[in-house]
Amino acid sequence: MGTRISASKVIKYAVLVLFAVVFLLPIWWVMVSSFKRDPSIFASLMPFSAHALWFDSEAYLGAFRDIIIHRNFGRAIFNSFFVTFSTVFLGVIVTSLCAFSFSVFDFKGKKVLFGIVLVTFMIPFSAIALPLYQIVSSLHMVDTYWGLILPAVANGLSIFLFRQAFMDIPSSYLEAARLDGASWPRIYLSVYMRMSISIIISAGIIIFMDQWEAFLWPLIAGRSQAMKVIQVAIADLSQDNEIFWNQIFAACTISIVVPVAIVLPLQKYYIMGISSSGVKE
């Protein structure tokens, strides 16, 4: 019996490793290719050789230098960091406050409004891009940081996660705080937010990934070179007459490494937050 269990585990882990290799191999190839010159990249692809998956004898850093110095990619990196982290900060505050009102207060139309919130994260962004642009344009926020940040602050999925977590907090905590004379802001911060750290991290990661990977809205709302984010700057590296492949791979490497470095250490809390947010009434 022990041998059978051991064999099943070996097979399970072998399958998991196989899937990991299949999914991670293209990312590894992109990262390796970012340290090569274009001729070296294609020399090992046609025909394919194992050298395509490994570095040259001397690593070429020119692609990173070119995108930072000549392609103004440093500005795009700054824009992505500023827009993303500003959205995460404001988004966690706004969505948690919204969820707090849904979970604590009773008011007319509460269920209808929450149903609308659920519908919002099921609608593809492309369906609302044009009316959203008209609103942002009427507020004179096109080609500004506010125009890139504010539309992404009210995240429906984040509201849902916070609401489910807040409803799981026993009402006795709320009653005790009210008897002690605590104000609503204090109850929100000291009771509900303090007991929802994993949800804060989960919601923050969701908002972070949505904003970091956003392409369509930054392309529409950020017209000038000074407002471009990473995803739009990568698209600009592909031109009509020439495609700078090693520069594209270098830019993609940067855009991959940043979220991995942030999300990987927090994945335990992210899983805890998602798994704890069951359906509650």
C-alpha atoms as a PDB file:
ATOM      1  CA  MET A   1       0.000   0.000   0.000  1.00  0.00           C
ATOM      2  CA  GLY A   2       2.850   2.340   0.889  1.00  0.00           C
ATOM      3  CA  THR A   3       4.519   1.616  -2.449  1.00  0.00           C
ATOM      4  CA  ARG A   4       1.318   2.489  -4.331  1.00  0.00           C
ATOM      5  CA  ILE A   5       0.967   5.800  -2.480  1.00  0.00           C
ATOM      6  CA  SER A   6       4.595   6.630  -3.140  1.00  0.00           C
ATOM      7  CA  ALA A   7       4.245   5.811  -6.827  1.00  0.00           C
ATOM      8  CA  SER A   8       1.096   7.929  -7.144  1.00  0.00           C
ATOM      9  CA  LYS A   9       2.908  10.862  -5.559  1.00  0.00           C
ATOM     10  CA  VAL A  10       5.808  10.452  -7.954  1.00  0.00           C
ATOM     11  CA  ILE A  11       3.441  10.468 -10.913  1.00  0.00           C
ATOM     12  CA  LYS A  12       1.545  13.482  -9.555  1.00  0.00           C
ATOM     13  CA  TYR A  13       4.683  15.540  -9.021  1.00  0.00           C
ATOM     14  CA  ALA A  14       6.103  14.461 -12.367  1.00  0.00           C
ATOM     15  CA  VAL A  15       2.962  15.741 -14.104  1.00  0.00           C
ATOM     16  CA  LEU A  16       3.114  19.005 -12.134  1.00  0.00           C
ATOM     17  CA  VAL A  17       6.770  19.490 -13.073  1.00  0.00           C
ATOM     18  CA  LEU A  18       5.940  18.803 -16.711  1.00  0.00           C
ATOM     19  CA  PHE A  19       3.184  21.418 -16.714  1.00  0.00           C
ATOM     20  CA  ALA A  20       5.477  23.897 -14.939  1.00  0.00           C
ATOM     21  CA  VAL A  21       8.166  23.411 -17.574  1.00  0.00           C
ATOM     22  CA  VAL A  22       5.671  23.805 -20.431  1.00  0.00           C
ATOM     23  CA  PHE A  23       4.303  27.069 -19.012  1.00  0.00           C
ATOM     24  CA  LEU A  24       7.613  28.533 -17.809  1.00  0.00           C
ATOM     25  CA  LEU A  25       9.777  27.626 -20.804  1.00  0.00           C
ATOM     26  CA  PRO A  26       8.528  30.494 -23.033  1.00  0.00           C
ATOM     27  CA  ILE A  27       9.111  32.979 -20.199  1.00  0.00           C
ATOM     28  CA  TRP A  28      12.619  31.610 -19.673  1.00  0.00           C
ATOM     29  CA  TRP A  29      13.307  31.897 -23.413  1.00  0.00           C
ATOM     30  CA  VAL A  30      12.188  35.544 -23.395  1.00  0.00           C
ATOM     31  CA  MET A  31      14.449  36.334 -20.441  1.00  0.00           C
ATOM     32  CA  VAL A  32      17.441  34.574 -21.995  1.00  0.00           C
ATOM     33  CA  SER A  33      16.862  36.255 -25.367  1.00  0.00           C
ATOM     34  CA  SER A  34      16.860  39.687 -23.742  1.00  0.00           C
ATOM     35  CA  PHE A  35      20.605  39.224 -23.103  1.00  0.00           C
ATOM     36  CA  LYS A  36      21.383  38.379 -26.750  1.00  0.00           C
ATOM     37  CA  ARG A  37      21.710  40.266 -30.018  1.00  0.00           C
ATOM     38  CA  ASP A  38      19.003  39.749 -32.631  1.00  0.00           C
ATOM     39  CA  PRO A  39      21.197  37.607 -34.980  1.00  0.00           C
ATOM     40  CA  SER A  40      22.131  35.318 -32.075  1.00  0.00           C
ATOM     41  CA  ILE A  41      18.465  34.906 -31.114  1.00  0.00           C
ATOM     42  CA  PHE A  42      17.417  33.676 -34.539  1.00  0.00           C
ATOM     43  CA  ALA A  43      20.593  31.714 -35.266  1.00  0.00           C
ATOM     44  CA  SER A  44      19.606  29.138 -32.631  1.00  0.00           C
ATOM     45  CA  LEU A  45      15.937  29.100 -33.651  1.00  0.00           C
ATOM     46  CA  MET A  46      16.233  28.294 -37.363  1.00  0.00           C
ATOM     47  CA  PRO A  47      16.988  25.441 -37.031  1.00  0.00           C
ATOM     48  CA  PHE A  48      16.221  25.122 -33.337  1.00  0.00           C
ATOM     49  CA  SER A  49      19.063  24.206 -30.986  1.00  0.00           C
ATOM     50  CA  ALA A  50      19.383  23.939 -27.215  1.00  0.00           C
ATOM     51  CA  HIS A  51      21.490  27.119 -27.254  1.00  0.00           C
ATOM     52  CA  ALA A  52      18.246  29.069 -27.741  1.00  0.00           C
ATOM     53  CA  LEU A  53      17.438  28.298 -24.112  1.00  0.00           C
ATOM     54  CA  TRP A  54      20.782  29.407 -22.706  1.00  0.00           C
ATOM     55  CA  PHE A  55      22.905  32.544 -22.545  1.00  0.00           C
ATOM     56  CA  ASP A  56      25.720  33.418 -24.931  1.00  0.00           C
ATOM     57  CA  SER A  57      29.281  33.206 -23.662  1.00  0.00           C
ATOM     58  CA  GLU A  58      29.149  36.967 -23.062  1.00  0.00           C
ATOM     59  CA  ALA A  59      25.878  38.459 -21.886  1.00  0.00           C
ATOM     60  CA  TYR A  60      24.744  41.383 -24.058  1.00  0.00           C
ATOM     61  CA  LEU A  61      23.270  44.221 -21.989  1.00  0.00           C
ATOM     62  CA  GLY A  62      22.793  46.565 -24.917  1.00  0.00           C
ATOM     63  CA  ALA A  63      19.058  45.864 -25.199  1.00  0.00           C
ATOM     64  CA  PHE A  64      18.427  47.064 -21.639  1.00  0.00           C
ATOM     65  CA  ARG A  65      20.670  50.084 -22.192  1.00  0.00           C
ATOM     66  CA  ASP A  66      18.901  50.977 -25.434  1.00  0.00           C
ATOM     67  CA  ILE A  67      15.367  50.857 -24.024  1.00  0.00           C
ATOM     68  CA  ILE A  68      16.330  52.868 -20.930  1.00  0.00           C
ATOM     69  CA  ILE A  69      18.442  55.526 -22.649  1.00  0.00           C
ATOM     70  CA  HIS A  70      17.177  55.751 -26.223  1.00  0.00           C
ATOM     71  CA  ARG A  71      13.572  54.556 -25.861  1.00  0.00           C
ATOM     72  CA  ASN A  72      12.703  56.512 -22.707  1.00  0.00           C
ATOM     73  CA  PHE A  73      11.636  53.256 -21.069  1.00  0.00           C
ATOM     74  CA  GLY A  74      12.673  54.547 -17.673  1.00  0.00           C
ATOM     75  CA  ARG A  75       9.790  57.004 -17.816  1.00  0.00           C
ATOM     76  CA  ALA A  76       7.401  54.180 -18.713  1.00  0.00           C
ATOM     77  CA  ILE A  77       8.645  52.144 -15.742  1.00  0.00           C
ATOM     78  CA  PHE A  78       8.112  55.108 -13.415  1.00  0.00           C
ATOM     79  CA  ASN A  79       4.633  55.700 -14.838  1.00  0.00           C
ATOM     80  CA  SER A  80       3.669  52.053 -14.361  1.00  0.00           C
ATOM     81  CA  PHE A  81       4.916  52.024 -10.773  1.00  0.00           C
ATOM     82  CA  PHE A  82       3.261  55.331  -9.880  1.00  0.00           C
ATOM     83  CA  VAL A  83      -0.064  54.550 -11.549  1.00  0.00           C
ATOM     84  CA  THR A  84      -0.207  50.979 -10.260  1.00  0.00           C
ATOM     85  CA  PHE A  85       0.672  51.631  -6.630  1.00  0.00           C
ATOM     86  CA  SER A  86      -1.514  54.743  -6.484  1.00  0.00           C
ATOM     87  CA  THR A  87      -4.407  52.664  -7.811  1.00  0.00           C
ATOM     88  CA  VAL A  88      -3.733  49.924  -5.255  1.00  0.00           C
ATOM     89  CA  PHE A  89      -3.650  52.415  -2.370  1.00  0.00           C
ATOM     90  CA  LEU A  90      -6.812  54.247  -3.397  1.00  0.00           C
ATOM     91  CA  GLY A  91      -8.516  51.051  -4.564  1.00  0.00           C
ATOM     92  CA  VAL A  92      -8.090  49.225  -1.251  1.00  0.00           C
ATOM     93  CA  ILE A  93      -9.513  52.223   0.634  1.00  0.00           C
ATOM     94  CA  VAL A  94     -12.467  52.812  -1.696  1.00  0.00           C
ATOM     95  CA  THR A  95     -13.467  49.169  -2.173  1.00  0.00           C
ATOM     96  CA  SER A  96     -13.122  48.296   1.519  1.00  0.00           C
ATOM     97  CA  LEU A  97     -15.266  51.291   2.499  1.00  0.00           C
ATOM     98  CA  CYS A  98     -17.862  50.241  -0.047  1.00  0.00           C
ATOM     99  CA  ALA A  99     -17.809  46.669   1.283  1.00  0.00           C
ATOM    100  CA  PHE A 100     -18.034  47.985   4.851  1.00  0.00           C
ATOM    101  CA  SER A 101     -21.274  49.792   4.012  1.00  0.00           C
ATOM    102  CA  PHE A 102     -22.694  46.678   2.330  1.00  0.00           C
ATOM    103  CA  SER A 103     -21.855  44.403   5.251  1.00  0.00           C
ATOM    104  CA  VAL A 104     -22.663  46.631   8.232  1.00  0.00           C
ATOM    105  CA  PHE A 105     -25.496  48.987   7.253  1.00  0.00           C
ATOM    106  CA  ASP A 106     -29.021  48.252   6.084  1.00  0.00           C
ATOM    107  CA  PHE A 107     -30.426  50.638   3.492  1.00  0.00           C
ATOM    108  CA  LYS A 108     -32.971  50.623   0.715  1.00  0.00           C
ATOM    109  CA  GLY A 109     -31.767  49.027  -2.526  1.00  0.00           C
ATOM    110  CA  LYS A 110     -28.775  47.362  -0.851  1.00  0.00           C
ATOM    111  CA  LYS A 111     -29.161  44.024  -2.641  1.00  0.00           C
ATOM    112  CA  VAL A 112     -29.777  45.691  -5.996  1.00  0.00           C
ATOM    113  CA  LEU A 113     -26.655  47.820  -5.666  1.00  0.00           C
ATOM    114  CA  PHE A 114     -24.541  44.837  -4.668  1.00  0.00           C
ATOM    115  CA  GLY A 115     -25.911  42.922  -7.642  1.00  0.00           C
ATOM    116  CA  ILE A 116     -24.760  45.773  -9.887  1.00  0.00           C
ATOM    117  CA  VAL A 117     -21.315  45.551  -8.280  1.00  0.00           C
ATOM    118  CA  LEU A 118     -21.168  41.839  -9.121  1.00  0.00           C
ATOM    119  CA  VAL A 119     -22.120  42.561 -12.736  1.00  0.00           C
ATOM    120  CA  THR A 120     -19.366  45.175 -13.132  1.00  0.00           C
ATOM    121  CA  PHE A 121     -16.476  42.700 -13.003  1.00  0.00           C
ATOM    122  CA  MET A 122     -18.198  40.422 -15.527  1.00  0.00           C
ATOM    123  CA  ILE A 123     -18.370  43.089 -18.251  1.00  0.00           C
ATOM    124  CA  PRO A 124     -15.339  43.189 -20.595  1.00  0.00           C
ATOM    125  CA  PHE A 125     -13.490  46.483 -20.412  1.00  0.00           C
ATOM    126  CA  SER A 126     -13.612  46.973 -24.176  1.00  0.00           C
ATOM    127  CA  ALA A 127     -17.410  47.303 -23.898  1.00  0.00           C
ATOM    128  CA  ILE A 128     -17.160  50.384 -21.679  1.00  0.00           C
ATOM    129  CA  ALA A 129     -13.936  51.921 -23.010  1.00  0.00           C
ATOM    130  CA  LEU A 130     -15.633  54.474 -25.289  1.00  0.00           C
ATOM    131  CA  PRO A 131     -18.206  55.853 -22.778  1.00  0.00           C
ATOM    132  CA  LEU A 132     -15.514  55.850 -20.094  1.00  0.00           C
ATOM    133  CA  TYR A 133     -13.225  57.868 -22.358  1.00  0.00           C
ATOM    134  CA  GLN A 134     -16.017  60.379 -22.975  1.00  0.00           C
ATOM    135  CA  ILE A 135     -16.487  60.828 -19.228  1.00  0.00           C
ATOM    136  CA  VAL A 136     -12.759  61.210 -18.579  1.00  0.00           C
ATOM    137  CA  SER A 137     -12.449  63.636 -21.496  1.00  0.00           C
ATOM    138  CA  SER A 138     -15.334  65.770 -20.192  1.00  0.00           C
ATOM    139  CA  LEU A 139     -13.502  65.984 -16.854  1.00  0.00           C
ATOM    140  CA  HIS A 140     -10.309  67.085 -18.679  1.00  0.00           C
ATOM    141  CA  MET A 141      -8.333  64.141 -17.309  1.00  0.00           C
ATOM    142  CA  VAL A 142      -7.143  62.637 -20.599  1.00  0.00           C
ATOM    143  CA  ASP A 143      -3.351  62.315 -20.688  1.00  0.00           C
ATOM    144  CA  THR A 144      -3.062  62.788 -16.924  1.00  0.00           C
ATOM    145  CA  TYR A 145      -2.229  60.447 -14.070  1.00  0.00           C
ATOM    146  CA  TRP A 146      -5.733  60.903 -12.656  1.00  0.00           C
ATOM    147  CA  GLY A 147      -7.179  59.703 -15.945  1.00  0.00           C
ATOM    148  CA  LEU A 148      -5.136  56.506 -15.710  1.00  0.00           C
ATOM    149  CA  ILE A 149      -5.737  55.892 -11.999  1.00  0.00           C
ATOM    150  CA  LEU A 150      -9.326  56.790 -11.132  1.00  0.00           C
ATOM    151  CA  PRO A 151     -11.180  54.470 -13.593  1.00  0.00           C
ATOM    152  CA  ALA A 152      -9.433  51.451 -12.039  1.00  0.00           C
ATOM    153  CA  VAL A 153      -9.994  52.365  -8.379  1.00  0.00           C
ATOM    154  CA  ALA A 154     -13.509  50.908  -7.948  1.00  0.00           C
ATOM    155  CA  ASN A 155     -12.769  47.240  -8.566  1.00  0.00           C
ATOM    156  CA  GLY A 156     -15.908  45.068  -8.319  1.00  0.00           C
ATOM    157  CA  LEU A 157     -14.055  41.872  -7.448  1.00  0.00           C
ATOM    158  CA  SER A 158     -12.197  43.634  -4.645  1.00  0.00           C
ATOM    159  CA  ILE A 159     -15.500  44.934  -3.235  1.00  0.00           C
ATOM    160  CA  PHE A 160     -16.892  41.400  -3.336  1.00  0.00           C
ATOM    161  CA  LEU A 161     -13.886  39.957  -1.474  1.00  0.00           C
ATOM    162  CA  PHE A 162     -13.986  42.621   1.238  1.00  0.00           C
ATOM    163  CA  ARG A 163     -17.755  42.285   1.680  1.00  0.00           C
ATOM    164  CA  GLN A 164     -17.539  38.514   2.088  1.00  0.00           C
ATOM    165  CA  ALA A 165     -14.701  38.850   4.613  1.00  0.00           C
ATOM    166  CA  PHE A 166     -16.465  41.559   6.619  1.00  0.00           C
ATOM    167  CA  MET A 167     -19.655  39.477   6.810  1.00  0.00           C
ATOM    168  CA  ASP A 168     -17.619  36.658   8.353  1.00  0.00           C
ATOM    169  CA  ILE A 169     -16.614  38.888  11.298  1.00  0.00           C
ATOM    170  CA  PRO A 170     -18.923  38.194  14.286  1.00  0.00           C
ATOM    171  CA  SER A 171     -21.391  40.991  14.980  1.00  0.00           C
ATOM    172  CA  SER A 172     -20.374  40.884  18.658  1.00  0.00           C
ATOM    173  CA  TYR A 173     -17.184  42.797  17.759  1.00  0.00           C
ATOM    174  CA  LEU A 174     -19.273  45.561  16.216  1.00  0.00           C
ATOM    175  CA  GLU A 175     -21.646  45.676  19.177  1.00  0.00           C
ATOM    176  CA  ALA A 176     -18.796  45.808  21.681  1.00  0.00           C
ATOM    177  CA  ALA A 177     -17.097  48.615  19.779  1.00  0.00           C
ATOM    178  CA  ARG A 178     -20.325  50.627  19.624  1.00  0.00           C
ATOM    179  CA  LEU A 179     -20.893  50.149  23.379  1.00  0.00           C
ATOM    180  CA  ASP A 180     -17.373  51.468  24.010  1.00  0.00           C
ATOM    181  CA  GLY A 181     -18.287  54.588  22.052  1.00  0.00           C
ATOM    182  CA  ALA A 182     -16.083  53.877  19.042  1.00  0.00           C
ATOM    183  CA  SER A 183     -16.837  55.931  15.927  1.00  0.00           C
ATOM    184  CA  TRP A 184     -17.571  54.290  12.580  1.00  0.00           C
ATOM    185  CA  PRO A 185     -14.134  55.204  11.132  1.00  0.00           C
ATOM    186  CA  ARG A 186     -12.462  53.659  14.176  1.00  0.00           C
ATOM    187  CA  ILE A 187     -14.582  50.503  13.876  1.00  0.00           C
ATOM    188  CA  TYR A 188     -13.712  50.287  10.193  1.00  0.00           C
ATOM    189  CA  LEU A 189      -9.962  50.629  10.807  1.00  0.00           C
ATOM    190  CA  SER A 190      -9.455  48.956  14.184  1.00  0.00           C
ATOM    191  CA  VAL A 191     -11.902  46.084  13.871  1.00  0.00           C
ATOM    192  CA  TYR A 192     -12.762  45.213  10.282  1.00  0.00           C
ATOM    193  CA  MET A 193      -9.551  46.189   8.467  1.00  0.00           C
ATOM    194  CA  ARG A 194      -7.307  44.851  11.223  1.00  0.00           C
ATOM    195  CA  MET A 195      -9.035  41.465  11.026  1.00  0.00           C
ATOM    196  CA  SER A 196      -8.839  41.332   7.221  1.00  0.00           C
ATOM    197  CA  ILE A 197      -5.112  41.561   6.470  1.00  0.00           C
ATOM    198  CA  SER A 198      -5.166  38.606   4.064  1.00  0.00           C
ATOM    199  CA  ILE A 199      -8.096  40.167   2.182  1.00  0.00           C
ATOM    200  CA  ILE A 200      -6.270  43.505   1.970  1.00  0.00           C
ATOM    201  CA  ILE A 201      -3.301  41.711   0.402  1.00  0.00           C
ATOM    202  CA  SER A 202      -5.531  39.680  -1.942  1.00  0.00           C
ATOM    203  CA  ALA A 203      -7.479  42.739  -3.094  1.00  0.00           C
ATOM    204  CA  GLY A 204      -4.254  44.716  -3.476  1.00  0.00           C
ATOM    205  CA  ILE A 205      -2.728  41.996  -5.659  1.00  0.00           C
ATOM    206  CA  ILE A 206      -5.854  41.814  -7.831  1.00  0.00           C
ATOM    207  CA  ILE A 207      -5.865  45.580  -8.372  1.00  0.00           C
ATOM    208  CA  PHE A 208      -2.092  45.570  -8.903  1.00  0.00           C
ATOM    209  CA  MET A 209      -2.199  42.886 -11.588  1.00  0.00           C
ATOM    210  CA  ASP A 210      -5.165  44.490 -13.384  1.00  0.00           C
ATOM    211  CA  GLN A 211      -3.424  47.849 -13.543  1.00  0.00           C
ATOM    212  CA  TRP A 212       0.103  46.572 -14.259  1.00  0.00           C
ATOM    213  CA  GLU A 213      -1.111  44.486 -17.203  1.00  0.00           C
ATOM    214  CA  ALA A 214      -3.525  47.123 -18.544  1.00  0.00           C
ATOM    215  CA  PHE A 215      -2.935  48.057 -22.173  1.00  0.00           C
ATOM    216  CA  LEU A 216      -6.126  49.297 -23.848  1.00  0.00           C
ATOM    217  CA  TRP A 217      -7.003  52.059 -21.380  1.00  0.00           C
ATOM    218  CA  PRO A 218      -3.445  53.476 -21.015  1.00  0.00           C
ATOM    219  CA  LEU A 219      -3.203  53.417 -24.810  1.00  0.00           C
ATOM    220  CA  ILE A 220      -6.409  55.456 -25.103  1.00  0.00           C
ATOM    221  CA  ALA A 221      -6.057  57.776 -22.122  1.00  0.00           C
ATOM    222  CA  GLY A 222      -2.294  58.349 -22.153  1.00  0.00           C
ATOM    223  CA  ARG A 223      -1.579  60.006 -25.482  1.00  0.00           C
ATOM    224  CA  SER A 224       1.771  61.697 -24.924  1.00  0.00           C
ATOM    225  CA  GLN A 225       5.162  60.015 -24.680  1.00  0.00           C
ATOM    226  CA  ALA A 226       5.460  61.223 -21.090  1.00  0.00           C
ATOM    227  CA  MET A 227       2.343  59.274 -20.006  1.00  0.00           C
ATOM    228  CA  LYS A 228       3.131  55.893 -21.571  1.00  0.00           C
ATOM    229  CA  VAL A 229       3.223  52.861 -19.280  1.00  0.00           C
ATOM    230  CA  ILE A 230       5.258  49.688 -19.747  1.00  0.00           C
ATOM    231  CA  GLN A 231       2.719  47.740 -21.799  1.00  0.00           C
ATOM    232  CA  VAL A 232       2.226  50.605 -24.265  1.00  0.00           C
ATOM    233  CA  ALA A 233       5.980  51.270 -24.453  1.00  0.00           C
ATOM    234  CA  ILE A 234       6.571  47.610 -25.352  1.00  0.00           C
ATOM    235  CA  ALA A 235       4.091  47.877 -28.233  1.00  0.00           C
ATOM    236  CA  ASP A 236       5.973  50.931 -29.525  1.00  0.00           C
ATOM    237  CA  LEU A 237       9.115  48.811 -29.973  1.00  0.00           C
ATOM    238  CA  SER A 238       7.407  47.054 -32.888  1.00  0.00           C
ATOM    239  CA  GLN A 239       7.587  49.420 -35.861  1.00  0.00           C
ATOM    240  CA  ASP A 240       6.562  49.152 -39.503  1.00  0.00           C
ATOM    241  CA  ASN A 241      10.079  48.872 -40.910  1.00  0.00           C
ATOM    242  CA  GLU A 242      11.874  47.110 -38.093  1.00  0.00           C
ATOM    243  CA  ILE A 243      11.141  45.088 -34.981  1.00  0.00           C
ATOM    244  CA  PHE A 244      13.692  45.290 -32.184  1.00  0.00           C
ATOM    245  CA  TRP A 245      13.284  41.799 -30.793  1.00  0.00           C
ATOM    246  CA  ASN A 246      15.954  41.840 -28.090  1.00  0.00           C
ATOM    247  CA  GLN A 247      14.642  45.197 -26.860  1.00  0.00           C
ATOM    248  CA  ILE A 248      11.110  43.823 -26.769  1.00  0.00           C
ATOM    249  CA  PHE A 249      12.345  40.809 -24.803  1.00  0.00           C
ATOM    250  CA  ALA A 250      14.268  43.072 -22.408  1.00  0.00           C
ATOM    251  CA  ALA A 251      11.171  45.187 -21.814  1.00  0.00           C
ATOM    252  CA  CYS A 252       9.049  42.062 -21.343  1.00  0.00           C
ATOM    253  CA  THR A 253      11.574  40.727 -18.837  1.00  0.00           C
ATOM    254  CA  ILE A 254      11.213  43.883 -16.751  1.00  0.00           C
ATOM    255  CA  SER A 255       7.421  43.718 -16.969  1.00  0.00           C
ATOM    256  CA  ILE A 256       7.491  40.062 -15.835  1.00  0.00           C
ATOM    257  CA  VAL A 257      10.071  40.307 -13.044  1.00  0.00           C
ATOM    258  CA  VAL A 258       8.355  43.162 -11.182  1.00  0.00           C
ATOM    259  CA  PRO A 259       4.971  41.476 -10.527  1.00  0.00           C
ATOM    260  CA  VAL A 260       6.654  38.124  -9.809  1.00  0.00           C
ATOM    261  CA  ALA A 261       8.933  39.769  -7.229  1.00  0.00           C
ATOM    262  CA  ILE A 262       5.922  41.406  -5.565  1.00  0.00           C
ATOM    263  CA  VAL A 263       3.319  38.640  -5.804  1.00  0.00           C
ATOM    264  CA  LEU A 264       5.495  35.600  -5.045  1.00  0.00           C
ATOM    265  CA  PRO A 265       6.320  36.523  -1.403  1.00  0.00           C
ATOM    266  CA  LEU A 266       2.647  37.367  -0.789  1.00  0.00           C
ATOM    267  CA  GLN A 267       1.075  34.337  -2.473  1.00  0.00           C
ATOM    268  CA  LYS A 268       0.350  32.611   0.861  1.00  0.00           C
ATOM    269  CA  TYR A 269      -1.770  35.544   2.037  1.00  0.00           C
ATOM    270  CA  TYR A 270      -3.374  35.865  -1.397  1.00  0.00           C
ATOM    271  CA  ILE A 271      -4.504  32.221  -1.318  1.00  0.00           C
ATOM    272  CA  MET A 272      -5.739  32.621   2.261  1.00  0.00           C
ATOM    273  CA  GLY A 273      -7.765  35.680   1.302  1.00  0.00           C
ATOM    274  CA  ILE A 274      -9.336  34.103  -1.767  1.00  0.00           C
ATOM    275  CA  SER A 275     -10.116  30.792  -0.070  1.00  0.00           C
ATOM    276  CA  SER A 276     -11.707  32.487   2.954  1.00  0.00           C
ATOM    277  CA  SER A 277     -14.123  34.514   0.806  1.00  0.00           C
ATOM    278  CA  GLY A 278     -16.975  32.053   0.441  1.00  0.00           C
ATOM    279  CA  VAL A 279     -20.534  32.957  -0.488  1.00  0.00           C
ATOM    280  CA  LYS A 280     -22.346  34.373   2.550  1.00  0.00           C
ATOM    281  CA  GLU A 281     -25.725  35.995   2.980  1.00  0.00           C
END
